PDB file of all heavy atoms in Angstrom:
ATOM      1  N   LEU A   1       0.783  -1.226  -0.055  1.00  0.00           N
ATOM      2  CA  LEU A   1       0.009   0.005  -0.022  1.00  0.00           C
ATOM      3  C   LEU A   1       0.830   1.253   0.018  1.00  0.00           C
ATOM      4  O   LEU A   1       0.344   2.417   0.246  1.00  0.00           O
ATOM      5  CB  LEU A   1      -0.956   0.024   1.236  1.00  0.00           C
ATOM      6  CG  LEU A   1      -1.925  -1.231   1.354  1.00  0.00           C
ATOM      7  CD1 LEU A   1      -2.734  -1.109   2.532  1.00  0.00           C
ATOM      8  CD2 LEU A   1      -2.855  -1.252   0.116  1.00  0.00           C
ATOM      9  N   GLY A   2       2.143   1.141  -0.203  1.00  0.00           N
ATOM     10  CA  GLY A   2       3.071   2.188  -0.253  1.00  0.00           C
ATOM     11  C   GLY A   2       4.117   2.143   0.801  1.00  0.00           C
ATOM     12  O   GLY A   2       4.132   1.399   1.687  1.00  0.00           O
ATOM     13  N   ASN A   3       5.067   3.034   0.729  1.00  0.00           N
ATOM     14  CA  ASN A   3       6.173   3.056   1.663  1.00  0.00           C
ATOM     15  C   ASN A   3       5.700   3.459   3.059  1.00  0.00           C
ATOM     16  O   ASN A   3       4.705   4.317   3.255  1.00  0.00           O
ATOM     17  CB  ASN A   3       7.233   4.033   1.226  1.00  0.00           C
ATOM     18  CG  ASN A   3       8.043   3.439   0.065  1.00  0.00           C
ATOM     19  OD1 ASN A   3       8.051   2.306  -0.144  1.00  0.00           O
ATOM     20  ND2 ASN A   3       8.803   4.424  -0.616  1.00  0.00           N
ATOM     21  N   ILE A   4       6.331   2.825   4.070  1.00  0.00           N
ATOM     22  CA  ILE A   4       5.920   3.111   5.434  1.00  0.00           C
ATOM     23  C   ILE A   4       7.297   3.503   6.138  1.00  0.00           C
ATOM     24  O   ILE A   4       8.371   2.895   6.032  1.00  0.00           O
ATOM     25  CB  ILE A   4       5.319   1.828   6.143  1.00  0.00           C
ATOM     26  CG1 ILE A   4       4.032   1.386   5.490  1.00  0.00           C
ATOM     27  CG2 ILE A   4       5.210   2.015   7.665  1.00  0.00           C
ATOM     28  CD1 ILE A   4       3.480   0.120   5.934  1.00  0.00           C
ATOM     29  N   THR A   5       7.212   4.703   6.838  1.00  0.00           N
ATOM     30  CA  THR A   5       8.296   5.121   7.647  1.00  0.00           C
ATOM     31  C   THR A   5       8.255   4.630   9.040  1.00  0.00           C
ATOM     32  O   THR A   5       7.128   4.549   9.632  1.00  0.00           O
ATOM     33  CB  THR A   5       8.372   6.680   7.658  1.00  0.00           C
ATOM     34  OG1 THR A   5       8.535   7.190   6.360  1.00  0.00           O
ATOM     35  CG2 THR A   5       9.493   7.121   8.532  1.00  0.00           C
ATOM     36  N   LEU A   6       9.307   4.047   9.608  1.00  0.00           N
ATOM     37  CA  LEU A   6       9.386   3.539  10.910  1.00  0.00           C
ATOM     38  C   LEU A   6      10.304   4.326  11.710  1.00  0.00           C
ATOM     39  O   LEU A   6      11.389   4.768  11.175  1.00  0.00           O
ATOM     40  CB  LEU A   6       9.991   1.988  10.844  1.00  0.00           C
ATOM     41  CG  LEU A   6       9.352   0.998   9.857  1.00  0.00           C
ATOM     42  CD1 LEU A   6      10.058  -0.245   9.864  1.00  0.00           C
ATOM     43  CD2 LEU A   6       7.835   0.779  10.272  1.00  0.00           C
ATOM     44  N   THR A   7      10.053   4.550  12.991  1.00  0.00           N
ATOM     45  CA  THR A   7      10.997   5.212  13.877  1.00  0.00           C
ATOM     46  C   THR A   7      11.059   4.342  15.114  1.00  0.00           C
ATOM     47  O   THR A   7      10.077   3.673  15.404  1.00  0.00           O
ATOM     48  CB  THR A   7      10.554   6.687  14.232  1.00  0.00           C
ATOM     49  OG1 THR A   7       9.298   6.662  14.814  1.00  0.00           O
ATOM     50  CG2 THR A   7      10.546   7.555  12.947  1.00  0.00           C
ATOM     51  N   ALA A   8      12.199   4.425  15.735  1.00  0.00           N
ATOM     52  CA  ALA A   8      12.399   3.595  16.958  1.00  0.00           C
ATOM     53  C   ALA A   8      13.371   4.330  17.951  1.00  0.00           C
ATOM     54  O   ALA A   8      14.268   5.044  17.544  1.00  0.00           O
ATOM     55  CB  ALA A   8      12.942   2.227  16.733  1.00  0.00           C
ATOM     56  N   SER A   9      13.193   4.086  19.267  1.00  0.00           N
ATOM     57  CA  SER A   9      14.055   4.478  20.258  1.00  0.00           C
ATOM     58  C   SER A   9      15.155   3.253  20.321  1.00  0.00           C
ATOM     59  O   SER A   9      15.114   2.414  19.439  1.00  0.00           O
ATOM     60  CB  SER A   9      13.444   4.634  21.551  1.00  0.00           C
ATOM     61  OG  SER A   9      12.887   3.309  22.005  1.00  0.00           O
ATOM     62  N   GLU A  10      15.910   3.255  21.360  1.00  0.00           N
ATOM     63  CA  GLU A  10      16.938   2.166  21.462  1.00  0.00           C
ATOM     64  C   GLU A  10      16.176   0.868  21.549  1.00  0.00           C
ATOM     65  O   GLU A  10      16.707  -0.215  21.067  1.00  0.00           O
ATOM     66  CB  GLU A  10      17.729   2.475  22.795  1.00  0.00           C
ATOM     67  CG  GLU A  10      18.692   3.475  22.687  1.00  0.00           C
ATOM     68  CD  GLU A  10      19.866   3.204  21.911  1.00  0.00           C
ATOM     69  OE1 GLU A  10      20.322   2.092  21.665  1.00  0.00           O
ATOM     70  OE2 GLU A  10      20.490   4.229  21.360  1.00  0.00           O
ATOM     71  N   ASN A  11      15.012   0.844  22.242  1.00  0.00           N
ATOM     72  CA  ASN A  11      14.373  -0.451  22.581  1.00  0.00           C
ATOM     73  C   ASN A  11      12.963  -0.689  22.073  1.00  0.00           C
ATOM     74  O   ASN A  11      12.439  -1.833  22.315  1.00  0.00           O
ATOM     75  CB  ASN A  11      14.344  -0.661  24.166  1.00  0.00           C
ATOM     76  CG  ASN A  11      15.659  -0.453  24.722  1.00  0.00           C
ATOM     77  OD1 ASN A  11      16.608  -1.169  24.302  1.00  0.00           O
ATOM     78  ND2 ASN A  11      15.825   0.301  25.754  1.00  0.00           N
ATOM     79  N   ALA A  12      12.362   0.255  21.399  1.00  0.00           N
ATOM     80  CA  ALA A  12      10.985   0.072  21.032  1.00  0.00           C
ATOM     81  C   ALA A  12      10.635   0.914  19.767  1.00  0.00           C
ATOM     82  O   ALA A  12      11.226   1.962  19.585  1.00  0.00           O
ATOM     83  CB  ALA A  12      10.094   0.561  22.161  1.00  0.00           C
ATOM     84  N   LEU A  13       9.564   0.411  19.051  1.00  0.00           N
ATOM     85  CA  LEU A  13       9.037   1.104  17.903  1.00  0.00           C
ATOM     86  C   LEU A  13       8.213   2.346  18.418  1.00  0.00           C
ATOM     87  O   LEU A  13       7.431   2.324  19.328  1.00  0.00           O
ATOM     88  CB  LEU A  13       8.146   0.152  17.110  1.00  0.00           C
ATOM     89  CG  LEU A  13       7.520   0.767  15.791  1.00  0.00           C
ATOM     90  CD1 LEU A  13       8.683   0.743  14.865  1.00  0.00           C
ATOM     91  CD2 LEU A  13       6.458  -0.210  15.322  1.00  0.00           C
ATOM     92  N   THR A  14       8.520   3.557  17.819  1.00  0.00           N
ATOM     93  CA  THR A  14       7.835   4.741  18.252  1.00  0.00           C
ATOM     94  C   THR A  14       6.934   5.366  17.189  1.00  0.00           C
ATOM     95  O   THR A  14       6.181   6.277  17.552  1.00  0.00           O
ATOM     96  CB  THR A  14       8.951   5.858  18.744  1.00  0.00           C
ATOM     97  OG1 THR A  14       9.772   6.073  17.626  1.00  0.00           O
ATOM     98  CG2 THR A  14       9.744   5.426  19.941  1.00  0.00           C
ATOM     99  N   GLY A  15       7.125   4.902  15.906  1.00  0.00           N
ATOM    100  CA  GLY A  15       6.339   5.428  14.847  1.00  0.00           C
ATOM    101  C   GLY A  15       6.239   4.548  13.665  1.00  0.00           C
ATOM    102  O   GLY A  15       7.213   3.774  13.383  1.00  0.00           O
ATOM    103  N   LEU A  16       5.069   4.533  13.010  1.00  0.00           N
ATOM    104  CA  LEU A  16       4.882   3.693  11.884  1.00  0.00           C
ATOM    105  C   LEU A  16       3.846   4.433  11.125  1.00  0.00           C
ATOM    106  O   LEU A  16       2.546   4.500  11.430  1.00  0.00           O
ATOM    107  CB  LEU A  16       4.393   2.255  12.220  1.00  0.00           C
ATOM    108  CG  LEU A  16       4.278   1.252  11.033  1.00  0.00           C
ATOM    109  CD1 LEU A  16       4.412  -0.109  11.690  1.00  0.00           C
ATOM    110  CD2 LEU A  16       3.031   1.438  10.255  1.00  0.00           C
ATOM    111  N   TRP A  17       4.204   5.156   9.975  1.00  0.00           N
ATOM    112  CA  TRP A  17       3.331   5.995   9.206  1.00  0.00           C
ATOM    113  C   TRP A  17       3.434   5.652   7.683  1.00  0.00           C
ATOM    114  O   TRP A  17       4.572   5.532   7.142  1.00  0.00           O
ATOM    115  CB  TRP A  17       3.647   7.437   9.314  1.00  0.00           C
ATOM    116  CG  TRP A  17       3.578   7.945  10.659  1.00  0.00           C
ATOM    117  CD1 TRP A  17       2.530   8.493  11.373  1.00  0.00           C
ATOM    118  CD2 TRP A  17       4.745   8.193  11.578  1.00  0.00           C
ATOM    119  NE1 TRP A  17       2.890   8.906  12.650  1.00  0.00           N
ATOM    120  CE2 TRP A  17       4.193   8.734  12.775  1.00  0.00           C
ATOM    121  CE3 TRP A  17       6.022   7.909  11.526  1.00  0.00           C
ATOM    122  CZ2 TRP A  17       4.957   8.999  13.903  1.00  0.00           C
ATOM    123  CZ3 TRP A  17       6.740   8.083  12.704  1.00  0.00           C
ATOM    124  CH2 TRP A  17       6.336   8.745  13.827  1.00  0.00           C
ATOM    125  N   PHE A  18       2.299   5.639   6.939  1.00  0.00           N
ATOM    126  CA  PHE A  18       2.379   5.670   5.547  1.00  0.00           C
ATOM    127  C   PHE A  18       2.989   6.978   5.084  1.00  0.00           C
ATOM    128  O   PHE A  18       2.606   8.012   5.631  1.00  0.00           O
ATOM    129  CB  PHE A  18       1.097   5.451   4.936  1.00  0.00           C
ATOM    130  CG  PHE A  18       0.449   4.100   4.954  1.00  0.00           C
ATOM    131  CD1 PHE A  18      -0.466   3.660   5.813  1.00  0.00           C
ATOM    132  CD2 PHE A  18       1.089   3.103   4.074  1.00  0.00           C
ATOM    133  CE1 PHE A  18      -0.897   2.371   5.936  1.00  0.00           C
ATOM    134  CE2 PHE A  18       0.544   1.720   4.139  1.00  0.00           C
ATOM    135  CZ  PHE A  18      -0.377   1.453   5.009  1.00  0.00           C
ATOM    136  N   GLU A  19       3.905   7.018   4.062  1.00  0.00           N
ATOM    137  CA  GLU A  19       4.395   8.176   3.568  1.00  0.00           C
ATOM    138  C   GLU A  19       3.103   9.069   3.003  1.00  0.00           C
ATOM    139  O   GLU A  19       2.245   8.545   2.436  1.00  0.00           O
ATOM    140  CB  GLU A  19       5.385   7.918   2.436  1.00  0.00           C
ATOM    141  CG  GLU A  19       6.673   7.504   3.049  1.00  0.00           C
ATOM    142  CD  GLU A  19       7.799   7.469   1.969  1.00  0.00           C
ATOM    143  OE1 GLU A  19       7.550   7.705   0.797  1.00  0.00           O
ATOM    144  OE2 GLU A  19       8.885   6.976   2.326  1.00  0.00           O
ATOM    145  N   GLY A  20       3.197  10.319   3.343  1.00  0.00           N
ATOM    146  CA  GLY A  20       2.046  11.179   2.954  1.00  0.00           C
ATOM    147  C   GLY A  20       0.792  11.119   3.794  1.00  0.00           C
ATOM    148  O   GLY A  20      -0.189  11.804   3.535  1.00  0.00           O
ATOM    149  N   GLU A  21       0.850  10.369   4.890  1.00  0.00           N
ATOM    150  CA  GLU A  21      -0.238  10.325   5.797  1.00  0.00           C
ATOM    151  C   GLU A  21      -0.616  11.706   6.404  1.00  0.00           C
ATOM    152  O   GLU A  21       0.354  12.587   6.454  1.00  0.00           O
ATOM    153  CB  GLU A  21       0.178   9.364   7.043  1.00  0.00           C
ATOM    154  CG  GLU A  21      -0.939   8.655   7.696  1.00  0.00           C
ATOM    155  CD  GLU A  21      -0.551   7.685   8.599  1.00  0.00           C
ATOM    156  OE1 GLU A  21      -0.128   6.570   8.247  1.00  0.00           O
ATOM    157  OE2 GLU A  21      -0.672   7.895   9.841  1.00  0.00           O
ATOM    158  N   GLU A  22      -1.829  11.996   6.688  1.00  0.00           N
ATOM    159  CA  GLU A  22      -2.234  13.263   7.112  1.00  0.00           C
ATOM    160  C   GLU A  22      -1.465  13.853   8.303  1.00  0.00           C
ATOM    161  O   GLU A  22      -1.004  15.007   8.300  1.00  0.00           O
ATOM    162  CB  GLU A  22      -3.709  13.241   7.481  1.00  0.00           C
ATOM    163  CG  GLU A  22      -4.334  14.549   7.897  1.00  0.00           C
ATOM    164  CD  GLU A  22      -5.808  14.479   8.242  1.00  0.00           C
ATOM    165  OE1 GLU A  22      -6.396  13.474   7.976  1.00  0.00           O
ATOM    166  OE2 GLU A  22      -6.307  15.577   8.646  1.00  0.00           O
ATOM    167  N   TYR A  23      -1.201  12.955   9.348  1.00  0.00           N
ATOM    168  CA  TYR A  23      -0.438  13.426  10.434  1.00  0.00           C
ATOM    169  C   TYR A  23       1.070  12.702  10.336  1.00  0.00           C
ATOM    170  O   TYR A  23       1.436  12.229  11.332  1.00  0.00           O
ATOM    171  CB  TYR A  23      -1.134  13.139  11.773  1.00  0.00           C
ATOM    172  CG  TYR A  23      -2.461  13.791  11.814  1.00  0.00           C
ATOM    173  CD1 TYR A  23      -3.573  12.942  11.722  1.00  0.00           C
ATOM    174  CD2 TYR A  23      -2.575  15.078  11.835  1.00  0.00           C
ATOM    175  CE1 TYR A  23      -4.814  13.546  11.804  1.00  0.00           C
ATOM    176  CE2 TYR A  23      -3.885  15.704  11.990  1.00  0.00           C
ATOM    177  CZ  TYR A  23      -4.901  14.911  11.846  1.00  0.00           C
ATOM    178  OH  TYR A  23      -6.150  15.491  11.813  1.00  0.00           O
ATOM    179  N   TYR A  24       1.575  12.704   9.136  1.00  0.00           N
ATOM    180  CA  TYR A  24       2.797  11.964   8.949  1.00  0.00           C
ATOM    181  C   TYR A  24       3.890  12.384   9.996  1.00  0.00           C
ATOM    182  O   TYR A  24       4.159  13.560  10.188  1.00  0.00           O
ATOM    183  CB  TYR A  24       3.323  12.376   7.582  1.00  0.00           C
ATOM    184  CG  TYR A  24       4.529  11.669   7.076  1.00  0.00           C
ATOM    185  CD1 TYR A  24       4.571  10.282   6.928  1.00  0.00           C
ATOM    186  CD2 TYR A  24       5.791  12.304   6.838  1.00  0.00           C
ATOM    187  CE1 TYR A  24       5.774   9.601   6.494  1.00  0.00           C
ATOM    188  CE2 TYR A  24       6.875  11.712   6.422  1.00  0.00           C
ATOM    189  CZ  TYR A  24       6.890  10.349   6.279  1.00  0.00           C
ATOM    190  OH  TYR A  24       7.926   9.625   5.904  1.00  0.00           O
ATOM    191  N   GLY A  25       4.433  11.351  10.669  1.00  0.00           N
ATOM    192  CA  GLY A  25       5.393  11.685  11.685  1.00  0.00           C
ATOM    193  C   GLY A  25       6.628  12.189  11.150  1.00  0.00           C
ATOM    194  O   GLY A  25       7.180  11.766  10.222  1.00  0.00           O
ATOM    195  N   LYS A  26       7.013  13.224  11.797  1.00  0.00           N
ATOM    196  CA  LYS A  26       8.355  13.887  11.475  1.00  0.00           C
ATOM    197  C   LYS A  26       9.283  13.690  12.696  1.00  0.00           C
ATOM    198  O   LYS A  26       8.894  13.945  13.729  1.00  0.00           O
ATOM    199  CB  LYS A  26       8.110  15.348  11.282  1.00  0.00           C
ATOM    200  CG  LYS A  26       7.092  15.653  10.158  1.00  0.00           C
ATOM    201  CD  LYS A  26       7.692  15.694   8.739  1.00  0.00           C
ATOM    202  CE  LYS A  26       6.820  16.185   7.840  1.00  0.00           C
ATOM    203  NZ  LYS A  26       6.098  15.273   6.971  1.00  0.00           N
ATOM    204  N   VAL A  27      10.497  13.329  12.387  1.00  0.00           N
ATOM    205  CA  VAL A  27      11.492  13.303  13.396  1.00  0.00           C
ATOM    206  C   VAL A  27      11.838  14.689  13.788  1.00  0.00           C
ATOM    207  O   VAL A  27      12.205  15.521  12.880  1.00  0.00           O
ATOM    208  CB  VAL A  27      12.757  12.436  12.897  1.00  0.00           C
ATOM    209  CG1 VAL A  27      13.836  12.414  13.969  1.00  0.00           C
ATOM    210  CG2 VAL A  27      12.343  11.036  12.542  1.00  0.00           C
ATOM    211  N   SER A  28      11.876  14.961  15.035  1.00  0.00           N
ATOM    212  CA  SER A  28      12.168  16.402  15.413  1.00  0.00           C
ATOM    213  C   SER A  28      13.536  16.856  14.992  1.00  0.00           C
ATOM    214  O   SER A  28      14.519  16.059  15.127  1.00  0.00           O
ATOM    215  CB  SER A  28      12.040  16.421  16.995  1.00  0.00           C
ATOM    216  OG  SER A  28      12.480  17.692  17.433  1.00  0.00           O
ATOM    217  N   ALA A  29      13.547  18.069  14.569  1.00  0.00           N
ATOM    218  CA  ALA A  29      14.826  18.616  14.171  1.00  0.00           C
ATOM    219  C   ALA A  29      15.771  18.714  15.356  1.00  0.00           C
ATOM    220  O   ALA A  29      17.028  18.802  15.207  1.00  0.00           O
ATOM    221  CB  ALA A  29      14.635  19.911  13.476  1.00  0.00           C
ATOM    222  N   LYS A  30      15.311  18.745  16.502  1.00  0.00           N
ATOM    223  CA  LYS A  30      16.045  18.928  17.709  1.00  0.00           C
ATOM    224  C   LYS A  30      16.649  17.641  18.145  1.00  0.00           C
ATOM    225  O   LYS A  30      17.548  17.538  18.995  1.00  0.00           O
ATOM    226  CB  LYS A  30      15.189  19.519  18.869  1.00  0.00           C
ATOM    227  CG  LYS A  30      14.723  20.838  18.581  1.00  0.00           C
ATOM    228  CD  LYS A  30      13.772  21.363  19.842  1.00  0.00           C
ATOM    229  CE  LYS A  30      13.124  22.647  19.517  1.00  0.00           C
ATOM    230  NZ  LYS A  30      12.294  23.076  20.444  1.00  0.00           N
ATOM    231  N   MET A  31      16.134  16.521  17.603  1.00  0.00           N
ATOM    232  CA  MET A  31      16.635  15.275  17.952  1.00  0.00           C
ATOM    233  C   MET A  31      17.552  14.599  16.851  1.00  0.00           C
ATOM    234  O   MET A  31      17.216  14.756  15.705  1.00  0.00           O
ATOM    235  CB  MET A  31      15.478  14.243  18.282  1.00  0.00           C
ATOM    236  CG  MET A  31      14.558  14.712  19.433  1.00  0.00           C
ATOM    237  SD  MET A  31      13.442  13.382  19.725  1.00  0.00           S
ATOM    238  CE  MET A  31      14.441  12.407  20.768  1.00  0.00           C
ATOM    239  N   GLU A  32      18.581  13.942  17.232  1.00  0.00           N
ATOM    240  CA  GLU A  32      19.385  13.290  16.308  1.00  0.00           C
ATOM    241  C   GLU A  32      18.757  12.042  15.829  1.00  0.00           C
ATOM    242  O   GLU A  32      18.225  11.248  16.590  1.00  0.00           O
ATOM    243  CB  GLU A  32      20.753  13.024  16.946  1.00  0.00           C
ATOM    244  CG  GLU A  32      21.814  12.392  16.040  1.00  0.00           C
ATOM    245  CD  GLU A  32      23.142  12.171  16.646  1.00  0.00           C
ATOM    246  OE1 GLU A  32      23.308  12.594  17.762  1.00  0.00           O
ATOM    247  OE2 GLU A  32      23.873  11.516  15.958  1.00  0.00           O
ATOM    248  N   SER A  33      18.721  11.886  14.487  1.00  0.00           N
ATOM    249  CA  SER A  33      18.103  10.647  13.911  1.00  0.00           C
ATOM    250  C   SER A  33      19.045   9.999  13.026  1.00  0.00           C
ATOM    251  O   SER A  33      20.082  10.637  12.450  1.00  0.00           O
ATOM    252  CB  SER A  33      16.840  10.979  13.195  1.00  0.00           C
ATOM    253  OG  SER A  33      17.133  11.584  12.036  1.00  0.00           O
ATOM    254  N   ARG A  34      18.955   8.677  12.843  1.00  0.00           N
ATOM    255  CA  ARG A  34      19.934   8.008  12.054  1.00  0.00           C
ATOM    256  C   ARG A  34      19.183   6.748  11.378  1.00  0.00           C
ATOM    257  O   ARG A  34      18.520   5.954  12.092  1.00  0.00           O
ATOM    258  CB  ARG A  34      21.048   7.495  12.989  1.00  0.00           C
ATOM    259  CG  ARG A  34      21.999   6.576  12.220  1.00  0.00           C
ATOM    260  CD  ARG A  34      23.263   6.230  13.068  1.00  0.00           C
ATOM    261  NE  ARG A  34      22.753   5.422  14.291  1.00  0.00           N
ATOM    262  CZ  ARG A  34      23.534   4.667  15.014  1.00  0.00           C
ATOM    263  NH1 ARG A  34      24.764   4.568  14.692  1.00  0.00           N
ATOM    264  NH2 ARG A  34      23.015   4.017  16.011  1.00  0.00           N
ATOM    265  N   PRO A  35      19.366   6.653  10.014  1.00  0.00           N
ATOM    266  CA  PRO A  35      18.830   5.479   9.433  1.00  0.00           C
ATOM    267  C   PRO A  35      19.487   4.199   9.956  1.00  0.00           C
ATOM    268  O   PRO A  35      20.711   4.254  10.208  1.00  0.00           O
ATOM    269  CB  PRO A  35      19.160   5.720   7.900  1.00  0.00           C
ATOM    270  CG  PRO A  35      19.438   7.155   7.772  1.00  0.00           C
ATOM    271  CD  PRO A  35      19.971   7.571   9.133  1.00  0.00           C
ATOM    272  N   CYS A  36      18.788   3.106  10.065  1.00  0.00           N
ATOM    273  CA  CYS A  36      19.298   1.919  10.723  1.00  0.00           C
ATOM    274  C   CYS A  36      18.574   0.756  10.377  1.00  0.00           C
ATOM    275  O   CYS A  36      17.676   0.334  11.107  1.00  0.00           O
ATOM    276  CB  CYS A  36      19.493   2.112  12.221  1.00  0.00           C
ATOM    277  SG  CYS A  36      20.344   0.642  13.085  1.00  0.00           S
ATOM    278  N   LYS A  37      18.729   0.124   9.288  1.00  0.00           N
ATOM    279  CA  LYS A  37      18.051  -1.045   8.870  1.00  0.00           C
ATOM    280  C   LYS A  37      18.262  -2.222   9.734  1.00  0.00           C
ATOM    281  O   LYS A  37      17.399  -3.179   9.857  1.00  0.00           O
ATOM    282  CB  LYS A  37      18.383  -1.396   7.444  1.00  0.00           C
ATOM    283  CG  LYS A  37      17.865  -0.492   6.381  1.00  0.00           C
ATOM    284  CD  LYS A  37      17.770  -1.122   5.029  1.00  0.00           C
ATOM    285  CE  LYS A  37      17.051  -0.244   3.985  1.00  0.00           C
ATOM    286  NZ  LYS A  37      15.845  -0.037   4.248  1.00  0.00           N
ATOM    287  N   GLU A  38      19.355  -2.337  10.365  1.00  0.00           N
ATOM    288  CA  GLU A  38      19.691  -3.428  11.174  1.00  0.00           C
ATOM    289  C   GLU A  38      19.263  -3.393  12.699  1.00  0.00           C
ATOM    290  O   GLU A  38      19.524  -4.274  13.435  1.00  0.00           O
ATOM    291  CB  GLU A  38      21.180  -3.671  11.169  1.00  0.00           C
ATOM    292  CG  GLU A  38      21.807  -3.909   9.769  1.00  0.00           C
ATOM    293  CD  GLU A  38      21.084  -4.923   9.045  1.00  0.00           C
ATOM    294  OE1 GLU A  38      20.744  -6.172   9.578  1.00  0.00           O
ATOM    295  OE2 GLU A  38      20.747  -4.741   7.795  1.00  0.00           O
ATOM    296  N   HIS A  39      18.493  -2.422  12.970  1.00  0.00           N
ATOM    297  CA  HIS A  39      17.946  -2.187  14.377  1.00  0.00           C
ATOM    298  C   HIS A  39      16.968  -3.452  14.647  1.00  0.00           C
ATOM    299  O   HIS A  39      16.208  -3.775  13.916  1.00  0.00           O
ATOM    300  CB  HIS A  39      17.203  -0.931  14.453  1.00  0.00           C
ATOM    301  CG  HIS A  39      16.830  -0.548  15.873  1.00  0.00           C
ATOM    302  ND1 HIS A  39      16.017  -1.281  16.712  1.00  0.00           N
ATOM    303  CD2 HIS A  39      17.152   0.564  16.543  1.00  0.00           C
ATOM    304  CE1 HIS A  39      15.855  -0.561  17.798  1.00  0.00           C
ATOM    305  NE2 HIS A  39      16.603   0.592  17.855  1.00  0.00           N
ATOM    306  N   PRO A  40      17.232  -4.048  15.846  1.00  0.00           N
ATOM    307  CA  PRO A  40      16.424  -5.317  16.107  1.00  0.00           C
ATOM    308  C   PRO A  40      14.818  -5.030  16.118  1.00  0.00           C
ATOM    309  O   PRO A  40      14.222  -5.875  15.740  1.00  0.00           O
ATOM    310  CB  PRO A  40      16.907  -5.684  17.502  1.00  0.00           C
ATOM    311  CG  PRO A  40      18.171  -4.960  17.767  1.00  0.00           C
ATOM    312  CD  PRO A  40      18.182  -3.838  16.883  1.00  0.00           C
ATOM    313  N   VAL A  41      14.577  -3.823  16.631  1.00  0.00           N
ATOM    314  CA  VAL A  41      13.095  -3.588  16.646  1.00  0.00           C
ATOM    315  C   VAL A  41      12.629  -3.443  15.199  1.00  0.00           C
ATOM    316  O   VAL A  41      11.414  -3.932  14.866  1.00  0.00           O
ATOM    317  CB  VAL A  41      12.797  -2.165  17.348  1.00  0.00           C
ATOM    318  CG1 VAL A  41      11.396  -1.764  17.139  1.00  0.00           C
ATOM    319  CG2 VAL A  41      13.061  -2.365  18.748  1.00  0.00           C
ATOM    320  N   PHE A  42      13.396  -2.876  14.218  1.00  0.00           N
ATOM    321  CA  PHE A  42      12.954  -2.894  12.802  1.00  0.00           C
ATOM    322  C   PHE A  42      12.823  -4.288  12.192  1.00  0.00           C
ATOM    323  O   PHE A  42      11.931  -4.535  11.478  1.00  0.00           O
ATOM    324  CB  PHE A  42      13.823  -1.934  11.984  1.00  0.00           C
ATOM    325  CG  PHE A  42      13.760  -0.529  12.394  1.00  0.00           C
ATOM    326  CD1 PHE A  42      14.833   0.342  12.190  1.00  0.00           C
ATOM    327  CD2 PHE A  42      12.615   0.020  12.985  1.00  0.00           C
ATOM    328  CE1 PHE A  42      14.779   1.633  12.534  1.00  0.00           C
ATOM    329  CE2 PHE A  42      12.580   1.403  13.171  1.00  0.00           C
ATOM    330  CZ  PHE A  42      13.639   2.249  13.058  1.00  0.00           C
ATOM    331  N   SER A  43      13.784  -5.148  12.630  1.00  0.00           N
ATOM    332  CA  SER A  43      13.657  -6.612  12.111  1.00  0.00           C
ATOM    333  C   SER A  43      12.415  -7.210  12.536  1.00  0.00           C
ATOM    334  O   SER A  43      11.730  -7.854  11.859  1.00  0.00           O
ATOM    335  CB  SER A  43      14.866  -7.270  12.629  1.00  0.00           C
ATOM    336  OG  SER A  43      16.052  -6.887  12.149  1.00  0.00           O
ATOM    337  N   GLN A  44      12.006  -6.961  13.874  1.00  0.00           N
ATOM    338  CA  GLN A  44      10.709  -7.613  14.403  1.00  0.00           C
ATOM    339  C   GLN A  44       9.590  -6.871  13.665  1.00  0.00           C
ATOM    340  O   GLN A  44       8.549  -7.579  13.360  1.00  0.00           O
ATOM    341  CB  GLN A  44      10.681  -7.283  15.883  1.00  0.00           C
ATOM    342  CG  GLN A  44      11.716  -8.125  16.763  1.00  0.00           C
ATOM    343  CD  GLN A  44      11.672  -7.728  18.114  1.00  0.00           C
ATOM    344  OE1 GLN A  44      10.636  -7.255  18.734  1.00  0.00           O
ATOM    345  NE2 GLN A  44      12.814  -7.790  18.797  1.00  0.00           N
TER     346      GLN A  44
END
């Protein structure tokens, strides 16, 4: 159904949004973010 953006903290999933969703989650500019395909939460 389209690309889904995932966000996670060290230990848990914090966001799962379809791209273009009305309230599409944005990673705060004040917080450091990093792409990480190998994160265990993302694997699960």
